C-alpha atoms as a PDB file:
ATOM      1  CA  MET A   1      -0.059  -0.007  -0.011  1.00  0.00           C
ATOM      2  CA  THR A   2       1.360   3.432  -0.932  1.00  0.00           C
ATOM      3  CA  TYR A   3       0.632   6.132   1.656  1.00  0.00           C
ATOM      4  CA  SER A   4      -0.687   9.478   0.751  1.00  0.00           C
ATOM      5  CA  PHE A   5       2.611  11.298   1.412  1.00  0.00           C
ATOM      6  CA  GLU A   6       4.511   8.813  -0.722  1.00  0.00           C
ATOM      7  CA  ARG A   7       2.181   9.331  -3.725  1.00  0.00           C
ATOM      8  CA  PHE A   8       2.406  13.100  -3.196  1.00  0.00           C
ATOM      9  CA  LEU A   9       6.209  13.076  -3.262  1.00  0.00           C
ATOM     10  CA  ILE A  10       6.365  10.896  -6.261  1.00  0.00           C
ATOM     11  CA  ARG A  11       3.698  12.886  -8.365  1.00  0.00           C
ATOM     12  CA  THR A  12       5.090  16.258  -7.189  1.00  0.00           C
ATOM     13  CA  LYS A  13       8.554  15.342  -8.510  1.00  0.00           C
ATOM     14  CA  GLN A  14       6.872  14.532 -11.892  1.00  0.00           C
ATOM     15  CA  TYR A  15       5.158  17.971 -12.049  1.00  0.00           C
ATOM     16  CA  THR A  16       8.110  20.089 -10.761  1.00  0.00           C
ATOM     17  CA  GLU A  17      11.048  17.985 -11.912  1.00  0.00           C
ATOM     18  CA  GLU A  18      12.683  18.539  -8.566  1.00  0.00           C
ATOM     19  CA  SER A  19      13.133  16.191  -5.596  1.00  0.00           C
ATOM     20  CA  ILE A  20      11.466  17.185  -2.413  1.00  0.00           C
ATOM     21  CA  LEU A  21      11.647  15.738   0.982  1.00  0.00           C
ATOM     22  CA  LEU A  22       8.868  14.980   3.430  1.00  0.00           C
ATOM     23  CA  LYS A  23      10.205  17.801   5.647  1.00  0.00           C
ATOM     24  CA  ASP A  24       9.425  20.265   2.835  1.00  0.00           C
ATOM     25  CA  VAL A  25       5.673  19.599   2.705  1.00  0.00           C
ATOM     26  CA  GLY A  26       2.756  20.608   4.893  1.00  0.00           C
ATOM     27  CA  TYR A  27      -0.010  18.251   5.758  1.00  0.00           C
ATOM     28  CA  GLU A  28      -3.267  18.184   7.756  1.00  0.00           C
ATOM     29  CA  THR A  29      -6.094  15.689   8.139  1.00  0.00           C
ATOM     30  CA  VAL A  30      -9.575  17.080   9.000  1.00  0.00           C
ATOM     31  CA  GLU A  31     -13.072  15.716   9.244  1.00  0.00           C
ATOM     32  CA  LEU A  32     -15.531  17.693   7.011  1.00  0.00           C
ATOM     33  CA  TYR A  33     -19.213  17.357   6.420  1.00  0.00           C
ATOM     34  CA  LYS A  34     -20.200  17.068   2.738  1.00  0.00           C
ATOM     35  CA  GLU A  35     -21.651  20.611   2.682  1.00  0.00           C
ATOM     36  CA  GLU A  36     -18.195  21.963   3.748  1.00  0.00           C
ATOM     37  CA  ILE A  37     -16.423  20.408   0.723  1.00  0.00           C
ATOM     38  CA  ASP A  38     -15.983  22.351  -2.504  1.00  0.00           C
ATOM     39  CA  GLU A  39     -18.220  20.772  -5.170  1.00  0.00           C
ATOM     40  CA  ARG A  40     -16.045  21.796  -8.107  1.00  0.00           C
ATOM     41  CA  TYR A  41     -13.576  18.990  -7.480  1.00  0.00           C
ATOM     42  CA  PHE A  42     -16.230  16.368  -8.012  1.00  0.00           C
ATOM     43  CA  THR A  43     -18.315  15.191 -10.965  1.00  0.00           C
ATOM     44  CA  LYS A  44     -22.079  15.135 -10.353  1.00  0.00           C
ATOM     45  CA  GLU A  45     -21.979  11.433  -9.866  1.00  0.00           C
ATOM     46  CA  GLU A  46     -19.163  11.559  -7.403  1.00  0.00           C
ATOM     47  CA  TRP A  47     -20.922  14.354  -5.416  1.00  0.00           C
ATOM     48  CA  LEU A  48     -24.078  12.197  -5.082  1.00  0.00           C
ATOM     49  CA  GLN A  49     -22.024   9.271  -3.829  1.00  0.00           C
ATOM     50  CA  LEU A  50     -19.871  11.353  -1.457  1.00  0.00           C
ATOM     51  CA  PRO A  51     -20.305  10.345   2.141  1.00  0.00           C
ATOM     52  CA  GLN A  52     -21.964  12.838   4.611  1.00  0.00           C
ATOM     53  CA  VAL A  53     -18.840  12.853   6.673  1.00  0.00           C
ATOM     54  CA  CYS A  54     -15.374  12.646   5.139  1.00  0.00           C
ATOM     55  CA  MET A  55     -11.820  12.721   6.414  1.00  0.00           C
ATOM     56  CA  VAL A  56      -9.671  14.798   4.085  1.00  0.00           C
ATOM     57  CA  THR A  57      -5.856  14.639   4.100  1.00  0.00           C
ATOM     58  CA  ALA A  58      -4.399  17.741   2.461  1.00  0.00           C
ATOM     59  CA  ILE A  59      -0.628  17.724   1.576  1.00  0.00           C
ATOM     60  CA  SER A  60       0.958  20.620   0.003  1.00  0.00           C
ATOM     61  CA  PHE A  61       4.346  21.923  -1.276  1.00  0.00           C
ATOM     62  CA  ILE A  62       5.353  25.446  -2.487  1.00  0.00           C
ATOM     63  CA  ASN A  63       8.337  25.559  -4.882  1.00  0.00           C
ATOM     64  CA  GLU A  64      10.867  28.325  -5.408  1.00  0.00           C
ATOM     65  CA  LEU A  65       8.614  29.850  -8.135  1.00  0.00           C
ATOM     66  CA  LYS A  66       5.846  30.140  -5.493  1.00  0.00           C
ATOM     67  CA  ASP A  67       3.658  27.485  -7.294  1.00  0.00           C
ATOM     68  CA  GLU A  68       1.644  25.546  -4.756  1.00  0.00           C
ATOM     69  CA  TYR A  69       0.932  21.963  -5.386  1.00  0.00           C
ATOM     70  CA  MET A  70      -1.677  20.178  -3.212  1.00  0.00           C
ATOM     71  CA  MET A  71      -3.173  16.850  -3.119  1.00  0.00           C
ATOM     72  CA  LEU A  72      -6.380  16.110  -1.225  1.00  0.00           C
ATOM     73  CA  ASP A  73      -7.241  12.533  -0.387  1.00  0.00           C
ATOM     74  CA  VAL A  74     -10.863  12.102   0.488  1.00  0.00           C
ATOM     75  CA  TYR A  75     -12.018   9.110   2.627  1.00  0.00           C
ATOM     76  CA  ASP A  76     -15.349   7.912   3.882  1.00  0.00           C
ATOM     77  CA  GLU A  77     -15.070   8.585   7.642  1.00  0.00           C
ATOM     78  CA  GLU A  78     -17.406   5.771   8.518  1.00  0.00           C
ATOM     79  CA  ASN A  79     -15.288   2.933   7.029  1.00  0.00           C
ATOM     80  CA  SER A  80     -12.010   4.579   6.078  1.00  0.00           C
ATOM     81  CA  GLN A  81     -12.431   3.764   2.460  1.00  0.00           C
ATOM     82  CA  HIS A  82     -10.523   5.953   0.039  1.00  0.00           C
ATOM     83  CA  PHE A  83     -13.041   7.951  -2.172  1.00  0.00           C
ATOM     84  CA  LYS A  84     -10.927  10.156  -4.374  1.00  0.00           C
ATOM     85  CA  SER A  85      -7.635  11.963  -4.795  1.00  0.00           C
ATOM     86  CA  ILE A  86      -7.717  15.584  -5.968  1.00  0.00           C
ATOM     87  CA  TRP A  87      -4.545  17.239  -7.416  1.00  0.00           C
ATOM     88  CA  ILE A  88      -4.341  21.018  -7.402  1.00  0.00           C
ATOM     89  CA  LYS A  89      -1.745  23.586  -8.670  1.00  0.00           C
ATOM     90  CA  ASN A  90      -2.332  27.195  -7.673  1.00  0.00           C
ATOM     91  CA  GLY A  91      -5.989  26.502  -6.958  1.00  0.00           C
ATOM     92  CA  ASP A  92      -6.772  24.792 -10.301  1.00  0.00           C
ATOM     93  CA  THR A  93      -7.325  21.073 -10.632  1.00  0.00           C
ATOM     94  CA  ILE A  94      -4.470  19.455 -12.537  1.00  0.00           C
ATOM     95  CA  MET A  95      -5.617  15.861 -12.726  1.00  0.00           C
END
């Protein structure tokens, strides 16, 4: 199993072409109700299936050019099942 931070380090290296270390990233896990989550990151189908309570792990990195890369991992809080990963660069979805 690949953990969120490992996937983030690997993918961010592909986007930025620079190696980053875990100490260079920020991360936070929060519990959010569905209505607190931004709908724009989900298709209509995904939004309808989104659990009422989610755990969201946010991992971010800001490079020397001040570009911010962020990965949001959304989990169903009730059963810890991964729902979706969302990749963002400077506020816009990149994947």
